[in-house]
C-alpha cells in the first residue's frame, strides 16, 4: 500500500513543461533586406502620426510584427493598397520569413 502511495505522489508531482522558443526578428536582416522593401513600398503612407502604424523605425515595425498586423496586411495583399506599389511575391516571402524568423 505504501508503494502505491509513493507512486501516486511521484507521478502527481511530475509535470511536463514544454519550452517554446521565442523568436525575435533579426535587426540586421531588417536593416539590410526588409527595411529597403518597407521604405520603397510602405513608408510614404506610414511615416507620420496620422498613420495608424509608423514604419520608419525598427521599433515601429516590431510593434506591427508583435500585434500581427504587418504579416496579415502583407500576406493578405491588403497593403500596400495601390496596384503600382504592390509587393512582389519574393518581397512578401522576405517579409513573412523575417517575421517568422526563418
N, C-alpha and C. Protein backbone atom coordinates (compact mmCIF):
# COMPACT_ATOMS: atom_id res chain seq x y z
N UNK A 1 0.81 -1.18 0.00
CA UNK A 1 0.00 0.00 0.00
C UNK A 1 0.87 1.27 0.00
N UNK A 2 1.93 1.25 0.82
CA UNK A 2 2.83 2.40 0.85
C UNK A 2 3.45 2.66 -0.51
N UNK A 3 3.78 1.59 -1.19
CA UNK A 3 4.40 1.73 -2.50
C UNK A 3 3.45 2.41 -3.49
N UNK A 4 2.18 2.05 -3.46
CA UNK A 4 1.22 2.68 -4.38
C UNK A 4 1.04 4.17 -4.05
N UNK A 5 1.08 4.53 -2.76
CA UNK A 5 1.02 5.95 -2.39
C UNK A 5 2.26 6.70 -2.88
N UNK A 6 3.39 6.02 -2.76
CA UNK A 6 4.63 6.62 -3.23
C UNK A 6 4.57 6.88 -4.73
N UNK A 7 4.09 5.90 -5.51
CA UNK A 7 3.97 6.07 -6.95
C UNK A 7 2.98 7.18 -7.29
N UNK A 8 1.89 7.22 -6.56
CA UNK A 8 0.90 8.27 -6.79
C UNK A 8 1.53 9.64 -6.53
N UNK A 9 2.26 9.76 -5.44
CA UNK A 9 2.92 11.02 -5.12
C UNK A 9 3.97 11.37 -6.18
N UNK A 10 4.75 10.38 -6.58
CA UNK A 10 5.81 10.60 -7.55
C UNK A 10 5.25 11.12 -8.87
N UNK A 11 4.24 10.46 -9.39
CA UNK A 11 3.69 10.86 -10.69
C UNK A 11 2.84 12.12 -10.61
N UNK A 12 2.25 12.38 -9.48
CA UNK A 12 1.45 13.60 -9.38
C UNK A 12 2.35 14.83 -9.26
N UNK A 13 3.57 14.65 -8.83
CA UNK A 13 4.47 15.79 -8.71
C UNK A 13 5.23 16.06 -10.00
N UNK A 14 5.13 15.17 -10.94
CA UNK A 14 5.80 15.38 -12.22
C UNK A 14 4.95 16.28 -13.10
N UNK A 15 5.62 17.08 -13.84
CA UNK A 15 4.90 17.90 -14.80
C UNK A 15 5.75 18.02 -16.05
N UNK A 16 5.09 18.29 -17.11
CA UNK A 16 5.76 18.45 -18.40
C UNK A 16 5.70 19.92 -18.76
N UNK A 17 6.83 20.52 -18.83
CA UNK A 17 6.90 21.93 -19.22
C UNK A 17 7.57 22.03 -20.58
N UNK A 18 6.76 22.30 -21.56
CA UNK A 18 7.30 22.45 -22.91
C UNK A 18 7.97 23.81 -23.01
N UNK A 19 9.16 23.80 -23.53
CA UNK A 19 9.89 25.05 -23.74
C UNK A 19 9.59 25.51 -25.16
N UNK A 20 9.00 26.68 -25.24
CA UNK A 20 8.66 27.24 -26.54
C UNK A 20 9.69 28.31 -26.86
N UNK A 21 10.44 28.12 -27.95
CA UNK A 21 11.44 29.13 -28.28
C UNK A 21 10.79 30.45 -28.66
N UNK A 22 11.43 31.52 -28.22
CA UNK A 22 10.94 32.85 -28.56
C UNK A 22 11.77 33.35 -29.72
N UNK A 23 11.08 33.82 -30.72
CA UNK A 23 11.75 34.29 -31.91
C UNK A 23 11.62 35.80 -31.99
N UNK A 24 12.72 36.47 -32.19
CA UNK A 24 12.69 37.92 -32.39
C UNK A 24 13.32 38.19 -33.75
N UNK A 25 12.54 38.78 -34.64
CA UNK A 25 13.10 39.07 -35.96
C UNK A 25 14.41 39.85 -35.86
N UNK A 26 15.40 39.43 -36.62
CA UNK A 26 16.74 39.96 -36.55
C UNK A 26 16.83 41.40 -37.07
N UNK A 27 17.45 42.26 -36.27
CA UNK A 27 17.55 43.68 -36.63
C UNK A 27 18.49 43.92 -37.80
N UNK A 28 19.55 43.14 -37.91
CA UNK A 28 20.49 43.33 -39.02
C UNK A 28 19.85 42.90 -40.34
N UNK A 29 19.12 41.80 -40.34
CA UNK A 29 18.41 41.39 -41.55
C UNK A 29 17.38 42.44 -41.91
N UNK A 30 16.73 43.00 -40.89
CA UNK A 30 15.78 44.09 -41.14
C UNK A 30 16.47 45.23 -41.87
N UNK A 31 17.58 45.69 -41.31
CA UNK A 31 18.29 46.84 -41.88
C UNK A 31 18.75 46.60 -43.31
N UNK A 32 19.25 45.41 -43.57
CA UNK A 32 19.85 45.11 -44.87
C UNK A 32 18.85 44.67 -45.94
N UNK A 33 17.80 43.98 -45.54
CA UNK A 33 16.92 43.36 -46.53
C UNK A 33 15.47 43.84 -46.44
N UNK A 34 14.91 43.86 -45.24
CA UNK A 34 13.50 44.17 -45.08
C UNK A 34 13.23 45.67 -45.15
N UNK A 35 14.04 46.46 -44.48
CA UNK A 35 13.82 47.90 -44.44
C UNK A 35 13.77 48.55 -45.82
N UNK A 36 14.66 48.17 -46.76
CA UNK A 36 14.54 48.77 -48.09
C UNK A 36 13.19 48.48 -48.78
N UNK A 37 12.64 47.31 -48.55
CA UNK A 37 11.32 46.98 -49.11
C UNK A 37 10.25 47.85 -48.48
N UNK A 38 10.32 48.00 -47.15
CA UNK A 38 9.33 48.81 -46.44
C UNK A 38 9.47 50.28 -46.82
N UNK A 39 10.70 50.76 -46.95
CA UNK A 39 10.91 52.15 -47.34
C UNK A 39 10.37 52.42 -48.74
N UNK A 40 10.54 51.49 -49.65
CA UNK A 40 10.10 51.68 -51.03
C UNK A 40 8.58 51.56 -51.18
N UNK A 41 7.93 50.80 -50.30
CA UNK A 41 6.52 50.48 -50.52
C UNK A 41 5.56 50.92 -49.42
N UNK A 42 6.07 51.23 -48.23
CA UNK A 42 5.18 51.46 -47.10
C UNK A 42 5.33 52.82 -46.43
N UNK A 43 6.55 53.31 -46.37
CA UNK A 43 6.85 54.49 -45.57
C UNK A 43 6.13 55.74 -46.05
N UNK A 44 5.87 55.86 -47.32
CA UNK A 44 5.19 57.06 -47.82
C UNK A 44 3.87 57.30 -47.09
N UNK A 45 3.18 56.24 -46.73
CA UNK A 45 1.90 56.38 -46.01
C UNK A 45 2.04 56.15 -44.51
N UNK A 46 3.12 55.51 -44.09
CA UNK A 46 3.27 55.12 -42.68
C UNK A 46 4.47 55.80 -42.04
N UNK A 47 4.55 57.13 -42.20
CA UNK A 47 5.69 57.84 -41.61
C UNK A 47 5.28 58.96 -40.67
N UNK A 48 3.99 59.21 -40.54
CA UNK A 48 3.57 60.33 -39.69
C UNK A 48 2.58 59.85 -38.64
N UNK A 49 2.34 60.72 -37.68
CA UNK A 49 1.39 60.39 -36.62
C UNK A 49 -0.03 60.22 -37.13
N UNK A 50 -0.30 60.67 -38.33
CA UNK A 50 -1.63 60.50 -38.92
C UNK A 50 -1.89 59.04 -39.31
N UNK A 51 -0.83 58.28 -39.44
CA UNK A 51 -0.95 56.87 -39.81
C UNK A 51 -1.16 56.01 -38.56
N UNK A 52 -1.95 54.94 -38.69
CA UNK A 52 -2.12 54.05 -37.53
C UNK A 52 -0.84 53.28 -37.20
N UNK A 53 0.07 53.16 -38.13
CA UNK A 53 1.34 52.47 -37.93
C UNK A 53 2.47 53.34 -38.45
N UNK A 54 3.51 53.50 -37.64
CA UNK A 54 4.71 54.20 -38.07
C UNK A 54 5.73 53.12 -38.43
N UNK A 55 6.15 53.09 -39.68
CA UNK A 55 7.06 52.04 -40.14
C UNK A 55 8.42 52.57 -40.54
N UNK A 56 8.80 53.72 -40.00
CA UNK A 56 10.09 54.32 -40.34
C UNK A 56 11.22 53.84 -39.44
N UNK A 57 10.92 53.12 -38.37
CA UNK A 57 11.95 52.64 -37.44
C UNK A 57 11.77 51.15 -37.19
N UNK A 58 12.85 50.53 -36.75
CA UNK A 58 12.79 49.10 -36.38
C UNK A 58 11.74 48.90 -35.29
N UNK A 59 11.70 49.78 -34.30
CA UNK A 59 10.73 49.67 -33.21
C UNK A 59 9.29 49.73 -33.70
N UNK A 60 9.03 50.64 -34.63
CA UNK A 60 7.69 50.74 -35.19
C UNK A 60 7.29 49.50 -35.96
N UNK A 61 8.24 48.95 -36.71
CA UNK A 61 7.96 47.73 -37.47
C UNK A 61 7.76 46.56 -36.52
N UNK A 62 8.59 46.48 -35.48
CA UNK A 62 8.43 45.38 -34.50
C UNK A 62 7.08 45.48 -33.81
N UNK A 63 6.60 46.68 -33.51
CA UNK A 63 5.25 46.81 -32.95
C UNK A 63 4.21 46.20 -33.89
N UNK A 64 4.36 46.45 -35.18
CA UNK A 64 3.43 45.89 -36.17
C UNK A 64 3.60 44.38 -36.30
N UNK A 65 4.81 43.88 -36.07
CA UNK A 65 5.03 42.42 -36.07
C UNK A 65 4.37 41.82 -34.84
N UNK A 66 4.58 42.43 -33.68
CA UNK A 66 4.06 41.88 -32.43
C UNK A 66 2.54 41.85 -32.35
N UNK A 67 1.88 42.79 -33.00
CA UNK A 67 0.42 42.76 -32.97
C UNK A 67 -0.15 42.04 -34.20
N UNK A 68 0.73 41.41 -34.96
CA UNK A 68 0.38 40.57 -36.12
C UNK A 68 -0.20 41.33 -37.30
N UNK A 69 -0.20 42.63 -37.24
CA UNK A 69 -0.80 43.39 -38.35
C UNK A 69 0.09 43.41 -39.58
N UNK A 70 1.41 43.49 -39.41
CA UNK A 70 2.28 43.57 -40.57
C UNK A 70 2.17 42.32 -41.43
N UNK A 71 2.31 41.17 -40.81
CA UNK A 71 2.25 39.92 -41.57
C UNK A 71 0.88 39.76 -42.24
N UNK A 72 -0.18 40.06 -41.51
CA UNK A 72 -1.52 39.93 -42.08
C UNK A 72 -1.71 40.87 -43.27
N UNK A 73 -1.35 42.13 -43.08
CA UNK A 73 -1.55 43.12 -44.14
C UNK A 73 -0.75 42.77 -45.39
N UNK A 74 0.46 42.30 -45.21
CA UNK A 74 1.33 41.99 -46.34
C UNK A 74 0.89 40.69 -47.03
N UNK A 75 0.65 39.63 -46.26
CA UNK A 75 0.31 38.35 -46.88
C UNK A 75 -1.11 38.31 -47.43
N UNK A 76 -1.99 39.14 -46.90
CA UNK A 76 -3.36 39.18 -47.43
C UNK A 76 -3.48 40.14 -48.62
N UNK A 77 -2.36 40.75 -48.98
CA UNK A 77 -2.27 41.68 -50.11
C UNK A 77 -3.12 42.94 -49.91
N UNK A 78 -3.43 43.25 -48.63
CA UNK A 78 -4.18 44.48 -48.35
C UNK A 78 -3.27 45.70 -48.35
N UNK A 79 -1.99 45.50 -48.12
CA UNK A 79 -1.03 46.59 -48.15
C UNK A 79 0.14 46.19 -49.01
N UNK A 80 0.68 47.09 -49.73
CA UNK A 80 0.18 48.43 -49.96
C UNK A 80 -1.09 48.41 -50.82
N UNK A 81 -1.94 49.39 -50.63
CA UNK A 81 -3.25 49.36 -51.27
C UNK A 81 -3.27 49.73 -52.74
N UNK A 82 -2.21 50.31 -53.23
CA UNK A 82 -2.20 50.79 -54.61
C UNK A 82 -1.50 49.78 -55.50
N UNK A 83 -2.13 49.46 -56.63
CA UNK A 83 -1.60 48.46 -57.55
C UNK A 83 -0.18 48.71 -58.00
N UNK A 84 0.19 49.96 -58.21
CA UNK A 84 1.54 50.25 -58.71
C UNK A 84 2.61 49.96 -57.65
N UNK A 85 2.24 49.98 -56.39
CA UNK A 85 3.20 49.72 -55.31
C UNK A 85 3.07 48.32 -54.75
N UNK A 86 2.34 47.45 -55.44
CA UNK A 86 2.13 46.10 -54.92
C UNK A 86 3.46 45.39 -54.71
N UNK A 87 3.54 44.66 -53.62
CA UNK A 87 4.74 43.89 -53.33
C UNK A 87 4.81 42.68 -54.25
N UNK A 88 6.02 42.33 -54.65
CA UNK A 88 6.21 41.12 -55.45
C UNK A 88 6.09 39.90 -54.53
N UNK A 89 5.92 38.75 -55.12
CA UNK A 89 5.85 37.52 -54.32
C UNK A 89 7.13 37.33 -53.51
N UNK A 90 8.27 37.65 -54.09
CA UNK A 90 9.53 37.47 -53.35
C UNK A 90 9.64 38.47 -52.20
N UNK A 91 9.16 39.70 -52.38
CA UNK A 91 9.18 40.67 -51.28
C UNK A 91 8.25 40.22 -50.15
N UNK A 92 7.09 39.69 -50.50
CA UNK A 92 6.17 39.17 -49.49
C UNK A 92 6.82 38.03 -48.73
N UNK A 93 7.49 37.12 -49.46
CA UNK A 93 8.17 36.00 -48.81
C UNK A 93 9.29 36.46 -47.90
N UNK A 94 10.03 37.48 -48.32
CA UNK A 94 11.12 38.00 -47.49
C UNK A 94 10.56 38.54 -46.18
N UNK A 95 9.52 39.34 -46.25
CA UNK A 95 8.94 39.92 -45.04
C UNK A 95 8.35 38.82 -44.15
N UNK A 96 7.60 37.91 -44.74
CA UNK A 96 6.99 36.81 -43.98
C UNK A 96 8.05 35.96 -43.30
N UNK A 97 9.09 35.59 -44.04
CA UNK A 97 10.15 34.75 -43.47
C UNK A 97 10.92 35.48 -42.37
N UNK A 98 11.11 36.77 -42.54
CA UNK A 98 11.78 37.56 -41.49
C UNK A 98 10.92 37.59 -40.23
N UNK A 99 9.63 37.81 -40.39
CA UNK A 99 8.73 37.83 -39.23
C UNK A 99 8.72 36.47 -38.54
N UNK A 100 8.71 35.40 -39.33
CA UNK A 100 8.66 34.04 -38.77
C UNK A 100 10.04 33.55 -38.32
N UNK A 101 11.07 34.40 -38.48
CA UNK A 101 12.45 34.09 -38.09
C UNK A 101 12.99 32.86 -38.82
N UNK A 102 12.69 32.80 -40.09
CA UNK A 102 13.19 31.66 -40.88
C UNK A 102 14.40 32.08 -41.68
